[in-house]
């Protein structure tokens, strides 16, 4: 066989071979990379477009870390940001600046999440003040859960945390009845349930890695049946509880769930971000940064994105808004921005 024939046969074989899986693992991963990388392999890539300059801030006003992002029923966008100070901004559906909410508020110390409930009330979860603050649509404070640390504190993480005392809370969610669920958080490693008036009902979870235990519950979401999904970040898993906070299931194939979001439905999907650490470790960035789309039973449907700071890449996604299944907003810590993503699940890469 001549060399020209051999070349033609090789080319034909390459053209006929199935495409390589984009996320196939390299063979020389370090132990740290193996620990950070999601377990799932062979996951289809979802094509998407990204609009990095979606938000339009006034002159001399800048966005710091994109800690939280949420939308209301009108499509207005709320961004909870921290830099020199913690601030909450509102934009219209086109990204135009509308106003600042709660400027100089006592409960604003170190932003962690913002959510909007079914009645368009805006909820800010502040890790620094240990408070969850509800604003009405007009921007007035109507309820506060938690309180700032006392001047002299005892054990920061007692064995049985107090019902109304948080230790660096991270997120908030609601069921259809208006009950409130708070992930609490860096210190207490639990989930707390309150009634719509803010009265304590139940707490579940303790620090650990056994089923039902938590190690940094970083994000929380609820489905239409009232089940509670907790991003158990340091355990690299999502834990599912029923509405009474009884343990149900673990999903541990999609890496460290920094941010969770569940679509409104009628068919609901779960999004989870395996974000690269905000330390910008380049080796960990190489194997993290993607976002997964899942069924509520944990079935993985697809993934998209990678770590980075260019438009369309993700600089540590800290919160996701998924009011529209195929149009997401992601708030990023290290890239200091919010990106608007349009997914194209029917389009092939």
Protein backbone atom coordinates (compact mmCIF):
# COMPACT_ATOMS: atom_id res chain seq x y z
CA UNK A 1 0.00 0.00 0.00
CA UNK A 2 1.37 3.37 -0.99
CA UNK A 3 1.75 6.20 1.56
CA UNK A 4 -0.93 8.18 -0.30
CA UNK A 5 -3.45 5.33 0.15
CA UNK A 6 -2.62 5.06 3.85
CA UNK A 7 -3.25 8.80 4.31
CA UNK A 8 -6.62 8.51 2.53
CA UNK A 9 -7.67 5.59 4.74
CA UNK A 10 -6.73 7.49 7.91
CA UNK A 11 -8.68 10.56 6.77
CA UNK A 12 -11.73 8.45 5.97
CA UNK A 13 -11.59 6.78 9.36
CA UNK A 14 -11.41 10.15 11.10
CA UNK A 15 -14.41 11.45 9.17
CA UNK A 16 -16.50 8.40 9.99
CA UNK A 17 -15.54 8.18 13.66
CA UNK A 18 -18.06 9.44 16.24
CA UNK A 19 -17.28 12.87 17.73
CA UNK A 20 -15.24 12.89 20.92
CA UNK A 21 -17.06 13.76 24.14
CA UNK A 22 -16.11 17.35 24.96
CA UNK A 23 -15.66 16.75 28.69
CA UNK A 24 -13.64 13.52 28.50
CA UNK A 25 -11.18 13.68 31.38
CA UNK A 26 -7.48 14.15 30.75
CA UNK A 27 -5.38 11.29 32.01
CA UNK A 28 -3.10 13.37 34.24
CA UNK A 29 -5.56 14.99 36.66
CA UNK A 30 -4.16 15.92 40.04
CA UNK A 31 -5.94 14.76 43.22
CA UNK A 32 -7.32 18.28 43.68
CA UNK A 33 -8.69 18.30 40.14
CA UNK A 34 -10.25 14.87 40.60
CA UNK A 35 -11.99 16.11 43.77
CA UNK A 36 -13.33 19.26 42.06
CA UNK A 37 -14.37 17.75 38.75
CA UNK A 38 -17.95 16.54 38.35
CA UNK A 39 -18.38 12.78 38.26
CA UNK A 40 -20.78 12.81 35.30
CA UNK A 41 -19.24 12.00 31.92
CA UNK A 42 -20.64 11.82 28.42
CA UNK A 43 -23.08 14.67 29.13
CA UNK A 44 -24.38 16.43 25.97
CA UNK A 45 -23.30 20.03 25.50
CA UNK A 46 -26.12 22.59 25.26
CA UNK A 47 -25.30 25.43 22.83
CA UNK A 48 -25.88 28.92 24.17
CA UNK A 49 -25.32 32.60 23.51
CA UNK A 50 -24.15 35.03 26.19
CA UNK A 51 -24.72 38.75 26.60
CA UNK A 52 -22.11 40.01 29.06
CA UNK A 53 -22.99 43.72 28.84
CA UNK A 54 -26.69 43.28 29.54
CA UNK A 55 -26.85 45.61 32.56
CA UNK A 56 -26.45 49.35 31.99
CA UNK A 57 -25.27 51.24 35.06
CA UNK A 58 -25.27 55.03 35.38
CA UNK A 59 -22.06 56.98 35.02
CA UNK A 60 -19.71 56.50 38.01
CA UNK A 61 -21.72 53.58 39.41
CA UNK A 62 -20.04 50.19 39.20
CA UNK A 63 -20.92 46.60 39.93
CA UNK A 64 -18.71 44.69 42.37
CA UNK A 65 -18.93 40.95 42.89
CA UNK A 66 -22.05 39.57 41.19
CA UNK A 67 -23.22 37.77 44.31
CA UNK A 68 -26.96 37.56 43.65
CA UNK A 69 -29.35 37.97 40.71
CA UNK A 70 -33.13 37.48 40.48
CA UNK A 71 -36.07 38.64 38.36
CA UNK A 72 -39.68 39.55 39.16
CA UNK A 73 -42.86 38.87 37.19
CA UNK A 74 -42.28 42.00 35.06
CA UNK A 75 -38.83 40.86 34.04
CA UNK A 76 -37.07 43.43 36.22
CA UNK A 77 -33.63 42.32 37.37
CA UNK A 78 -32.36 42.64 40.95
CA UNK A 79 -28.62 42.40 41.60
CA UNK A 80 -27.16 42.05 45.08
CA UNK A 81 -23.51 43.06 44.96
CA UNK A 82 -20.63 43.51 47.36
CA UNK A 83 -17.47 45.49 46.91
CA UNK A 84 -16.65 48.51 49.05
CA UNK A 85 -20.23 48.26 50.31
CA UNK A 86 -23.15 45.84 49.95
CA UNK A 87 -25.81 47.23 47.62
CA UNK A 88 -29.05 46.10 45.94
CA UNK A 89 -29.82 47.43 42.46
CA UNK A 90 -32.91 47.12 40.26
CA UNK A 91 -32.89 47.17 36.44
CA UNK A 92 -35.76 46.94 33.96
CA UNK A 93 -36.24 44.02 31.57
CA UNK A 94 -33.88 45.64 29.04
CA UNK A 95 -31.11 46.05 31.59
CA UNK A 96 -31.63 49.77 32.16
CA UNK A 97 -30.90 51.01 35.69
CA UNK A 98 -34.05 51.77 37.72
CA UNK A 99 -33.04 52.39 41.34
CA UNK A 100 -31.10 51.30 44.40
CA UNK A 101 -33.04 49.57 47.19
CA UNK A 102 -32.10 49.78 50.87
CA UNK A 103 -29.16 52.16 50.55
CA UNK A 104 -27.28 52.22 53.87
CA UNK A 105 -29.57 49.57 55.39
CA UNK A 106 -28.50 48.22 58.79
CA UNK A 107 -28.95 44.66 57.53
CA UNK A 108 -26.58 45.11 54.58
CA UNK A 109 -23.06 44.00 55.51
CA UNK A 110 -21.86 41.17 53.22
CA UNK A 111 -24.24 40.16 50.42
CA UNK A 112 -24.90 36.52 49.62
CA UNK A 113 -28.15 36.02 47.66
CA UNK A 114 -31.25 37.79 46.38
CA UNK A 115 -34.54 36.10 45.47
CA UNK A 116 -38.02 37.27 44.42
CA UNK A 117 -41.09 35.42 45.69
CA UNK A 118 -44.42 34.74 43.98
CA UNK A 119 -45.78 38.14 45.08
CA UNK A 120 -42.78 40.07 43.73
CA UNK A 121 -41.38 40.70 47.18
CA UNK A 122 -37.58 40.97 47.12
CA UNK A 123 -35.56 38.99 49.67
CA UNK A 124 -31.91 39.74 50.45
CA UNK A 125 -29.83 37.16 52.30
CA UNK A 126 -26.89 38.83 54.04
CA UNK A 127 -24.11 36.58 55.27
CA UNK A 128 -22.41 39.38 57.19
CA UNK A 129 -25.36 40.64 59.23
CA UNK A 130 -26.87 37.13 59.65
CA UNK A 131 -30.18 38.50 58.40
CA UNK A 132 -32.78 37.63 55.74
CA UNK A 133 -34.63 40.79 54.76
CA UNK A 134 -37.94 40.96 52.88
CA UNK A 135 -38.76 44.10 50.85
CA UNK A 136 -42.16 44.70 49.30
CA UNK A 137 -42.23 45.55 45.57
CA UNK A 138 -41.98 49.25 46.48
CA UNK A 139 -38.68 48.62 48.25
CA UNK A 140 -39.87 48.93 51.86
CA UNK A 141 -38.70 46.47 54.52
CA UNK A 142 -41.66 44.35 55.66
CA UNK A 143 -40.02 41.46 57.53
CA UNK A 144 -36.63 40.52 58.96
CA UNK A 145 -35.41 37.07 60.01
CA UNK A 146 -32.27 36.78 62.10
CA UNK A 147 -30.20 39.52 63.66
CA UNK A 148 -26.71 40.95 63.69
CA UNK A 149 -24.19 39.21 65.95
CA UNK A 150 -24.13 40.48 69.50
CA UNK A 151 -21.11 42.48 70.69
CA UNK A 152 -19.96 39.45 72.70
CA UNK A 153 -20.81 36.07 71.21
CA UNK A 154 -20.56 32.61 72.72
CA UNK A 155 -20.11 29.45 70.70
CA UNK A 156 -20.60 30.54 67.05
CA UNK A 157 -22.02 27.14 66.10
CA UNK A 158 -23.86 25.57 69.08
CA UNK A 159 -25.01 21.95 68.90
CA UNK A 160 -28.65 23.09 68.76
CA UNK A 161 -28.77 26.47 66.96
CA UNK A 162 -31.42 28.93 68.09
CA UNK A 163 -34.55 29.09 65.90
CA UNK A 164 -34.10 32.74 64.93
CA UNK A 165 -30.31 33.04 64.99
CA UNK A 166 -28.36 32.41 61.79
CA UNK A 167 -24.65 31.84 61.32
CA UNK A 168 -23.73 33.18 57.88
CA UNK A 169 -26.94 32.26 56.00
CA UNK A 170 -26.72 31.73 52.27
CA UNK A 171 -30.11 31.54 50.50
CA UNK A 172 -33.91 31.53 50.80
CA UNK A 173 -36.83 29.76 49.06
CA UNK A 174 -40.60 29.28 49.50
CA UNK A 175 -43.22 26.63 48.89
CA UNK A 176 -46.66 27.22 47.35
CA UNK A 177 -48.16 27.92 50.78
CA UNK A 178 -45.65 30.70 51.41
CA UNK A 179 -43.56 28.84 53.97
CA UNK A 180 -39.99 30.10 54.07
CA UNK A 181 -36.86 27.93 53.84
CA UNK A 182 -33.44 29.35 54.73
CA UNK A 183 -30.10 27.63 54.13
CA UNK A 184 -27.99 28.43 57.18
CA UNK A 185 -25.15 28.22 56.04
CA UNK A 186 -21.43 28.51 56.67
CA UNK A 187 -21.71 28.11 60.46
CA UNK A 188 -24.84 26.11 61.28
CA UNK A 189 -25.00 23.65 58.32
CA UNK A 190 -28.77 23.36 58.43
CA UNK A 191 -32.03 24.28 56.70
CA UNK A 192 -34.71 26.15 58.65
CA UNK A 193 -38.44 26.28 57.86
CA UNK A 194 -40.68 29.20 58.90
CA UNK A 195 -44.36 29.86 58.25
CA UNK A 196 -45.37 32.82 56.04
CA UNK A 197 -45.40 35.12 59.08
CA UNK A 198 -41.83 34.16 59.98
CA UNK A 199 -42.65 31.81 62.87
CA UNK A 200 -40.17 28.96 63.34
CA UNK A 201 -41.49 25.52 62.32
CA UNK A 202 -38.55 23.13 61.99
CA UNK A 203 -34.81 22.82 61.47
CA UNK A 204 -32.94 19.97 59.80
CA UNK A 205 -29.31 19.14 59.19
CA UNK A 206 -26.02 19.19 61.05
CA UNK A 207 -22.41 19.41 59.93
CA UNK A 208 -21.20 16.19 58.33
CA UNK A 209 -21.30 14.07 55.19
CA UNK A 210 -23.87 11.40 56.10
CA UNK A 211 -27.27 11.45 54.34
CA UNK A 212 -29.26 14.36 55.76
CA UNK A 213 -26.15 16.12 57.03
CA UNK A 214 -24.70 19.19 55.34
CA UNK A 215 -21.32 20.81 54.86
CA UNK A 216 -21.90 24.36 53.71
CA UNK A 217 -25.47 24.47 52.36
CA UNK A 218 -24.76 27.22 49.83
CA UNK A 219 -27.94 27.42 47.74
CA UNK A 220 -31.57 26.32 48.08
CA UNK A 221 -34.59 25.88 45.80
CA UNK A 222 -38.07 24.35 46.02
CA UNK A 223 -40.25 22.60 43.46
CA UNK A 224 -44.01 22.79 42.90
CA UNK A 225 -44.61 19.88 45.30
CA UNK A 226 -42.74 21.64 48.09
CA UNK A 227 -39.63 19.47 47.99
CA UNK A 228 -36.47 21.29 49.05
CA UNK A 229 -33.19 21.04 47.10
CA UNK A 230 -30.04 22.09 48.93
CA UNK A 231 -26.70 22.78 47.30
CA UNK A 232 -24.42 20.96 49.75
CA UNK A 233 -21.33 22.64 48.35
CA UNK A 234 -18.44 21.28 50.40
CA UNK A 235 -19.86 17.74 50.08
CA UNK A 236 -20.14 18.22 46.28
CA UNK A 237 -23.74 17.07 46.15
CA UNK A 238 -27.36 18.20 46.04
CA UNK A 239 -29.53 16.91 48.89
CA UNK A 240 -33.30 16.67 48.51
CA UNK A 241 -35.71 16.95 51.45
CA UNK A 242 -39.49 16.77 51.52
CA UNK A 243 -41.63 19.69 52.66
CA UNK A 244 -41.24 18.68 56.32
CA UNK A 245 -37.44 18.56 55.88
CA UNK A 246 -37.19 14.78 55.93
CA UNK A 247 -34.24 13.54 53.88
CA UNK A 248 -35.14 12.02 50.49
CA UNK A 249 -32.22 11.78 48.05
CA UNK A 250 -28.68 12.73 47.06
CA UNK A 251 -27.49 13.80 43.60
CA UNK A 252 -23.69 13.71 43.56
CA UNK A 253 -22.72 13.63 39.88
CA UNK A 254 -22.57 17.35 39.02
CA UNK A 255 -19.76 18.68 41.19
CA UNK A 256 -19.99 21.36 43.87
CA UNK A 257 -23.41 23.08 43.57
CA UNK A 258 -22.56 26.71 44.19
CA UNK A 259 -25.87 27.86 42.71
CA UNK A 260 -29.22 26.09 42.25
CA UNK A 261 -32.31 27.22 40.38
CA UNK A 262 -35.60 25.47 39.53
CA UNK A 263 -37.76 26.68 36.66
CA UNK A 264 -41.42 27.61 37.30
CA UNK A 265 -42.81 24.91 35.03
CA UNK A 266 -45.29 23.42 34.28
CA UNK A 267 -42.44 20.97 33.59
CA UNK A 268 -39.73 21.97 36.03
CA UNK A 269 -35.99 21.67 35.52
CA UNK A 270 -33.11 22.00 37.95
CA UNK A 271 -29.96 23.98 37.12
CA UNK A 272 -26.76 23.53 39.14
CA UNK A 273 -23.44 25.33 38.74
CA UNK A 274 -20.21 23.47 39.40
CA UNK A 275 -18.41 26.78 39.86
CA UNK A 276 -14.67 27.15 39.98
CA UNK A 277 -13.46 28.36 43.39
CA UNK A 278 -13.26 32.14 43.75
CA UNK A 279 -9.55 31.72 44.54
CA UNK A 280 -9.06 31.48 40.76
CA UNK A 281 -6.96 28.34 41.05
CA UNK A 282 -6.05 27.79 37.40
CA UNK A 283 -5.81 24.02 37.72
CA UNK A 284 -9.28 23.77 39.26
CA UNK A 285 -10.68 26.21 36.68
CA UNK A 286 -9.57 23.77 33.97
CA UNK A 287 -12.01 21.10 35.18
CA UNK A 288 -14.91 23.17 36.57
CA UNK A 289 -17.10 26.15 35.69
CA UNK A 290 -19.91 24.37 33.82
CA UNK A 291 -23.64 24.50 34.56
CA UNK A 292 -25.86 21.40 34.42
CA UNK A 293 -29.50 21.08 33.39
CA UNK A 294 -31.33 18.27 35.18
CA UNK A 295 -34.71 16.70 35.72
CA UNK A 296 -35.97 16.98 39.27
CA UNK A 297 -35.21 13.29 39.81
CA UNK A 298 -31.51 14.00 39.20
CA UNK A 299 -31.35 12.85 35.57
CA UNK A 300 -28.75 14.97 33.80
CA UNK A 301 -29.98 16.40 30.50
CA UNK A 302 -27.03 18.52 29.44
CA UNK A 303 -24.32 20.96 30.41
CA UNK A 304 -22.89 24.23 29.15
CA UNK A 305 -20.10 26.69 29.78
CA UNK A 306 -16.65 26.64 31.32
CA UNK A 307 -14.60 28.67 33.77
CA UNK A 308 -13.10 31.94 32.54
CA UNK A 309 -13.60 35.69 32.34
CA UNK A 310 -14.33 36.18 28.65
CA UNK A 311 -17.94 36.77 27.52
CA UNK A 312 -19.67 33.40 27.54
CA UNK A 313 -17.32 31.97 30.14
CA UNK A 314 -18.14 31.93 33.85
CA UNK A 315 -16.14 33.65 36.59
CA UNK A 316 -17.46 31.73 39.60
CA UNK A 317 -21.26 31.64 39.19
CA UNK A 318 -22.78 32.47 42.57
CA UNK A 319 -26.48 32.68 41.68
CA UNK A 320 -28.71 31.69 38.76
CA UNK A 321 -32.12 33.05 37.80
CA UNK A 322 -34.13 30.63 35.62
CA UNK A 323 -37.61 32.15 35.44
CA UNK A 324 -37.42 31.26 31.73
CA UNK A 325 -36.13 27.75 31.05
CA UNK A 326 -33.93 28.83 28.13
CA UNK A 327 -33.04 32.36 29.20
CA UNK A 328 -30.92 32.50 32.33
CA UNK A 329 -29.16 35.21 34.28
CA UNK A 330 -25.95 34.31 36.12
CA UNK A 331 -24.19 36.44 38.72
CA UNK A 332 -20.43 35.98 38.86
CA UNK A 333 -18.02 36.78 41.68
CA UNK A 334 -14.62 37.02 40.04
CA UNK A 335 -15.78 38.55 36.75
CA UNK A 336 -17.82 41.29 38.54
CA UNK A 337 -20.82 40.98 36.24
CA UNK A 338 -24.19 39.44 35.39
CA UNK A 339 -24.52 37.64 32.07
CA UNK A 340 -27.72 36.93 30.18
CA UNK A 341 -27.67 33.47 28.61
CA UNK A 342 -29.91 32.11 25.86
CA UNK A 343 -29.85 28.33 25.62
CA UNK A 344 -30.50 26.45 22.36
CA UNK A 345 -31.19 22.86 23.53
CA UNK A 346 -32.43 21.76 20.11
CA UNK A 347 -29.37 23.00 18.26
CA UNK A 348 -26.38 20.69 17.81
CA UNK A 349 -22.86 21.87 18.55
